């Protein structure tokens, strides 16, 4: 509301609504690096070969954090051409099942790992599927994701392995 009111008074504002995104350096508070860090610790012999997970049936629209940063930069560089109060969804338009994401990460490990659902990691109000439409960002900013999600997952796992090795 405040941004809308300020926009009405002349503040030029561009709003970004990024959907789920991940990348190297992200904390374990998020699902993808939480999966990857558990795998890295198991591979290093620092944890038993067991991953505890929440709801693996949820479907989410994921992007690489570098693609999100690129969209922000494009919005700044094109801000003089944008209408005030323009809102951009930043999304891939694809939904990934959390179980499939975990499977892709596990496939990159040579260690046999058991997956166990942890009730403490379940969210009571988890929406089954969240997918975005980034048509406006594609059209007005010339933006599109450049990194495949598989590439992103490999980068996250490699980063987690490096962090575990340095610890």
C-alpha atoms as a PDB file:
ATOM      1  CA  UNK A   1       0.000   0.000   0.000  1.00  0.00           C
ATOM      2  CA  UNK A   2       2.758   2.429   0.907  1.00  0.00           C
ATOM      3  CA  UNK A   3       4.552   1.879  -2.403  1.00  0.00           C
ATOM      4  CA  UNK A   4       1.282   2.360  -4.263  1.00  0.00           C
ATOM      5  CA  UNK A   5       0.627   5.641  -2.448  1.00  0.00           C
ATOM      6  CA  UNK A   6       4.168   6.877  -3.056  1.00  0.00           C
ATOM      7  CA  UNK A   7       3.907   5.856  -6.694  1.00  0.00           C
ATOM      8  CA  UNK A   8       0.729   7.918  -6.983  1.00  0.00           C
ATOM      9  CA  UNK A   9       2.729  10.888  -5.668  1.00  0.00           C
ATOM     10  CA  UNK A  10       5.428  10.460  -8.309  1.00  0.00           C
ATOM     11  CA  UNK A  11       7.873   7.902  -6.912  1.00  0.00           C
ATOM     12  CA  UNK A  12       8.941   5.670  -9.759  1.00  0.00           C
ATOM     13  CA  UNK A  13       8.856   2.171  -8.377  1.00  0.00           C
ATOM     14  CA  UNK A  14       9.489  -1.208  -9.982  1.00  0.00           C
ATOM     15  CA  UNK A  15       8.516  -4.282  -7.988  1.00  0.00           C
ATOM     16  CA  UNK A  16      10.041  -7.706  -8.407  1.00  0.00           C
ATOM     17  CA  UNK A  17       8.338 -10.890  -7.257  1.00  0.00           C
ATOM     18  CA  UNK A  18      10.986 -13.601  -7.414  1.00  0.00           C
ATOM     19  CA  UNK A  19       9.775 -17.159  -7.145  1.00  0.00           C
ATOM     20  CA  UNK A  20      11.902 -19.809  -5.426  1.00  0.00           C
ATOM     21  CA  UNK A  21      15.549 -19.437  -6.290  1.00  0.00           C
ATOM     22  CA  UNK A  22      18.740 -21.074  -5.161  1.00  0.00           C
ATOM     23  CA  UNK A  23      22.438 -21.069  -5.818  1.00  0.00           C
ATOM     24  CA  UNK A  24      25.870 -21.522  -4.283  1.00  0.00           C
ATOM     25  CA  UNK A  25      26.240 -19.893  -0.865  1.00  0.00           C
ATOM     26  CA  UNK A  26      22.587 -20.144   0.140  1.00  0.00           C
ATOM     27  CA  UNK A  27      21.974 -21.252   3.739  1.00  0.00           C
ATOM     28  CA  UNK A  28      20.521 -24.543   4.863  1.00  0.00           C
ATOM     29  CA  UNK A  29      17.321 -22.744   5.851  1.00  0.00           C
ATOM     30  CA  UNK A  30      16.198 -23.486   2.275  1.00  0.00           C
ATOM     31  CA  UNK A  31      15.333 -26.920   0.890  1.00  0.00           C
ATOM     32  CA  UNK A  32      17.839 -27.288  -1.954  1.00  0.00           C
ATOM     33  CA  UNK A  33      20.967 -26.369   0.047  1.00  0.00           C
ATOM     34  CA  UNK A  34      19.598 -28.343   3.017  1.00  0.00           C
ATOM     35  CA  UNK A  35      19.446 -31.448   0.806  1.00  0.00           C
ATOM     36  CA  UNK A  36      22.863 -30.719  -0.720  1.00  0.00           C
ATOM     37  CA  UNK A  37      24.570 -30.023   2.606  1.00  0.00           C
ATOM     38  CA  UNK A  38      23.263 -33.278   4.065  1.00  0.00           C
ATOM     39  CA  UNK A  39      24.637 -35.135   1.022  1.00  0.00           C
ATOM     40  CA  UNK A  40      28.007 -33.364   1.338  1.00  0.00           C
ATOM     41  CA  UNK A  41      28.290 -34.246   5.040  1.00  0.00           C
ATOM     42  CA  UNK A  42      27.393 -37.876   4.322  1.00  0.00           C
ATOM     43  CA  UNK A  43      29.984 -38.069   1.509  1.00  0.00           C
ATOM     44  CA  UNK A  44      32.618 -36.650   3.875  1.00  0.00           C
ATOM     45  CA  UNK A  45      31.790 -39.284   6.505  1.00  0.00           C
ATOM     46  CA  UNK A  46      30.495 -36.650   8.926  1.00  0.00           C
ATOM     47  CA  UNK A  47      26.930 -37.983   9.039  1.00  0.00           C
ATOM     48  CA  UNK A  48      25.214 -41.343   8.653  1.00  0.00           C
ATOM     49  CA  UNK A  49      23.814 -42.064   5.159  1.00  0.00           C
ATOM     50  CA  UNK A  50      20.350 -40.735   5.989  1.00  0.00           C
ATOM     51  CA  UNK A  51      18.640 -37.570   4.751  1.00  0.00           C
ATOM     52  CA  UNK A  52      15.688 -36.187   6.676  1.00  0.00           C
ATOM     53  CA  UNK A  53      13.164 -34.313   4.542  1.00  0.00           C
ATOM     54  CA  UNK A  54       9.803 -32.589   4.657  1.00  0.00           C
ATOM     55  CA  UNK A  55       7.074 -32.757   2.012  1.00  0.00           C
ATOM     56  CA  UNK A  56       8.577 -34.134  -1.189  1.00  0.00           C
ATOM     57  CA  UNK A  57       5.309 -33.931  -3.136  1.00  0.00           C
ATOM     58  CA  UNK A  58       5.246 -30.115  -3.218  1.00  0.00           C
ATOM     59  CA  UNK A  59       5.969 -28.611  -6.639  1.00  0.00           C
ATOM     60  CA  UNK A  60       7.868 -25.341  -6.917  1.00  0.00           C
ATOM     61  CA  UNK A  61       9.065 -22.997  -9.638  1.00  0.00           C
ATOM     62  CA  UNK A  62      12.840 -22.647  -9.166  1.00  0.00           C
ATOM     63  CA  UNK A  63      15.401 -20.313 -10.694  1.00  0.00           C
ATOM     64  CA  UNK A  64      19.116 -19.822 -10.306  1.00  0.00           C
ATOM     65  CA  UNK A  65      19.921 -16.870  -8.021  1.00  0.00           C
ATOM     66  CA  UNK A  66      22.217 -15.510 -10.758  1.00  0.00           C
ATOM     67  CA  UNK A  67      19.199 -15.271 -13.073  1.00  0.00           C
ATOM     68  CA  UNK A  68      17.289 -13.363 -10.397  1.00  0.00           C
ATOM     69  CA  UNK A  69      20.208 -10.931 -10.021  1.00  0.00           C
ATOM     70  CA  UNK A  70      20.297 -10.505 -13.796  1.00  0.00           C
ATOM     71  CA  UNK A  71      16.589  -9.591 -13.818  1.00  0.00           C
ATOM     72  CA  UNK A  72      17.136  -6.996 -11.082  1.00  0.00           C
ATOM     73  CA  UNK A  73      20.001  -5.472 -13.076  1.00  0.00           C
ATOM     74  CA  UNK A  74      17.889  -5.354 -16.234  1.00  0.00           C
ATOM     75  CA  UNK A  75      15.074  -3.638 -14.331  1.00  0.00           C
ATOM     76  CA  UNK A  76      17.467  -0.961 -13.059  1.00  0.00           C
ATOM     77  CA  UNK A  77      19.031  -0.446 -16.488  1.00  0.00           C
ATOM     78  CA  UNK A  78      15.600  -0.198 -18.146  1.00  0.00           C
ATOM     79  CA  UNK A  79      13.836   1.734 -15.391  1.00  0.00           C
ATOM     80  CA  UNK A  80      13.551   4.916 -17.463  1.00  0.00           C
ATOM     81  CA  UNK A  81      11.511   2.981 -20.069  1.00  0.00           C
ATOM     82  CA  UNK A  82       9.155   1.303 -17.583  1.00  0.00           C
ATOM     83  CA  UNK A  83       5.794   2.586 -16.435  1.00  0.00           C
ATOM     84  CA  UNK A  84       5.675   3.577 -12.757  1.00  0.00           C
ATOM     85  CA  UNK A  85       4.698   0.768 -10.398  1.00  0.00           C
ATOM     86  CA  UNK A  86       5.494  -2.011 -12.879  1.00  0.00           C
ATOM     87  CA  UNK A  87       5.423  -5.433 -11.233  1.00  0.00           C
ATOM     88  CA  UNK A  88       7.504  -8.320 -12.558  1.00  0.00           C
ATOM     89  CA  UNK A  89       7.171 -11.991 -11.696  1.00  0.00           C
ATOM     90  CA  UNK A  90      10.547 -13.712 -11.920  1.00  0.00           C
ATOM     91  CA  UNK A  91       9.852 -17.354 -12.625  1.00  0.00           C
ATOM     92  CA  UNK A  92      10.822 -20.192 -14.925  1.00  0.00           C
ATOM     93  CA  UNK A  93       7.237 -21.243 -15.585  1.00  0.00           C
ATOM     94  CA  UNK A  94       8.176 -24.840 -14.724  1.00  0.00           C
ATOM     95  CA  UNK A  95       7.323 -26.730 -11.568  1.00  0.00           C
ATOM     96  CA  UNK A  96       9.767 -29.128  -9.968  1.00  0.00           C
ATOM     97  CA  UNK A  97       8.608 -31.795  -7.540  1.00  0.00           C
ATOM     98  CA  UNK A  98      10.790 -31.667  -4.441  1.00  0.00           C
ATOM     99  CA  UNK A  99      11.310 -35.439  -4.682  1.00  0.00           C
ATOM    100  CA  UNK A 100      12.688 -34.999  -8.216  1.00  0.00           C
ATOM    101  CA  UNK A 101      15.061 -32.272  -7.020  1.00  0.00           C
ATOM    102  CA  UNK A 102      16.354 -34.554  -4.276  1.00  0.00           C
ATOM    103  CA  UNK A 103      16.707 -37.426  -6.775  1.00  0.00           C
ATOM    104  CA  UNK A 104      18.799 -35.216  -9.096  1.00  0.00           C
ATOM    105  CA  UNK A 105      21.099 -34.313  -6.201  1.00  0.00           C
ATOM    106  CA  UNK A 106      21.348 -37.918  -4.996  1.00  0.00           C
ATOM    107  CA  UNK A 107      22.233 -39.041  -8.537  1.00  0.00           C
ATOM    108  CA  UNK A 108      25.376 -36.876  -8.294  1.00  0.00           C
ATOM    109  CA  UNK A 109      26.597 -38.813  -5.252  1.00  0.00           C
ATOM    110  CA  UNK A 110      28.284 -42.207  -5.273  1.00  0.00           C
ATOM    111  CA  UNK A 111      27.136 -42.881  -1.695  1.00  0.00           C
ATOM    112  CA  UNK A 112      23.966 -44.902  -1.072  1.00  0.00           C
ATOM    113  CA  UNK A 113      21.701 -42.601   0.951  1.00  0.00           C
ATOM    114  CA  UNK A 114      18.375 -43.387   2.614  1.00  0.00           C
ATOM    115  CA  UNK A 115      15.648 -40.717   2.570  1.00  0.00           C
ATOM    116  CA  UNK A 116      13.376 -40.401   5.606  1.00  0.00           C
ATOM    117  CA  UNK A 117      10.463 -38.044   6.097  1.00  0.00           C
ATOM    118  CA  UNK A 118      10.812 -35.894   9.219  1.00  0.00           C
ATOM    119  CA  UNK A 119       7.529 -34.611  10.712  1.00  0.00           C
ATOM    120  CA  UNK A 120       9.398 -31.574  12.079  1.00  0.00           C
ATOM    121  CA  UNK A 121      10.219 -30.525   8.506  1.00  0.00           C
ATOM    122  CA  UNK A 122       6.597 -30.673   7.338  1.00  0.00           C
ATOM    123  CA  UNK A 123       4.788 -27.358   6.859  1.00  0.00           C
ATOM    124  CA  UNK A 124       1.143 -27.340   7.935  1.00  0.00           C
ATOM    125  CA  UNK A 125       0.068 -24.930   5.178  1.00  0.00           C
ATOM    126  CA  UNK A 126       2.260 -26.119   2.312  1.00  0.00           C
ATOM    127  CA  UNK A 127       0.662 -25.303  -1.052  1.00  0.00           C
ATOM    128  CA  UNK A 128       0.823 -28.283  -3.429  1.00  0.00           C
ATOM    129  CA  UNK A 129       2.045 -26.360  -6.492  1.00  0.00           C
ATOM    130  CA  UNK A 130       3.457 -22.875  -7.068  1.00  0.00           C
ATOM    131  CA  UNK A 131       4.385 -21.768 -10.599  1.00  0.00           C
ATOM    132  CA  UNK A 132       4.917 -18.267 -11.947  1.00  0.00           C
ATOM    133  CA  UNK A 133       4.413 -16.497 -15.251  1.00  0.00           C
ATOM    134  CA  UNK A 134       7.295 -14.182 -16.164  1.00  0.00           C
ATOM    135  CA  UNK A 135       5.868 -13.008 -19.497  1.00  0.00           C
ATOM    136  CA  UNK A 136       6.077  -9.338 -18.513  1.00  0.00           C
ATOM    137  CA  UNK A 137       9.759  -9.656 -17.500  1.00  0.00           C
ATOM    138  CA  UNK A 138      10.533 -11.498 -20.724  1.00  0.00           C
ATOM    139  CA  UNK A 139       8.722  -8.908 -22.824  1.00  0.00           C
ATOM    140  CA  UNK A 140       9.687  -5.626 -21.151  1.00  0.00           C
ATOM    141  CA  UNK A 141      13.153  -6.516 -19.850  1.00  0.00           C
ATOM    142  CA  UNK A 142      14.240  -9.029 -22.477  1.00  0.00           C
ATOM    143  CA  UNK A 143      14.965 -11.310 -19.539  1.00  0.00           C
ATOM    144  CA  UNK A 144      14.933 -15.090 -19.494  1.00  0.00           C
ATOM    145  CA  UNK A 145      16.647 -17.601 -17.217  1.00  0.00           C
ATOM    146  CA  UNK A 146      20.091 -18.504 -18.562  1.00  0.00           C
ATOM    147  CA  UNK A 147      21.017 -21.320 -16.178  1.00  0.00           C
ATOM    148  CA  UNK A 148      19.350 -24.721 -16.359  1.00  0.00           C
ATOM    149  CA  UNK A 149      18.058 -25.992 -13.054  1.00  0.00           C
ATOM    150  CA  UNK A 150      20.237 -29.085 -13.377  1.00  0.00           C
ATOM    151  CA  UNK A 151      23.286 -26.795 -13.710  1.00  0.00           C
ATOM    152  CA  UNK A 152      22.148 -24.878 -10.629  1.00  0.00           C
ATOM    153  CA  UNK A 153      21.733 -28.061  -8.580  1.00  0.00           C
ATOM    154  CA  UNK A 154      25.237 -29.220  -9.533  1.00  0.00           C
ATOM    155  CA  UNK A 155      26.662 -25.827  -8.498  1.00  0.00           C
ATOM    156  CA  UNK A 156      24.839 -25.909  -5.151  1.00  0.00           C
ATOM    157  CA  UNK A 157      26.075 -29.425  -4.371  1.00  0.00           C
ATOM    158  CA  UNK A 158      29.639 -28.526  -5.375  1.00  0.00           C
ATOM    159  CA  UNK A 159      29.490 -25.444  -3.133  1.00  0.00           C
ATOM    160  CA  UNK A 160      28.226 -27.520  -0.198  1.00  0.00           C
ATOM    161  CA  UNK A 161      31.010 -30.052  -0.735  1.00  0.00           C
ATOM    162  CA  UNK A 162      33.574 -27.233  -0.688  1.00  0.00           C
ATOM    163  CA  UNK A 163      32.101 -25.733   2.498  1.00  0.00           C
ATOM    164  CA  UNK A 164      32.143 -29.120   4.250  1.00  0.00           C
ATOM    165  CA  UNK A 165      35.773 -29.677   3.172  1.00  0.00           C
ATOM    166  CA  UNK A 166      36.771 -26.268   4.596  1.00  0.00           C
ATOM    167  CA  UNK A 167      35.009 -26.795   7.933  1.00  0.00           C
END
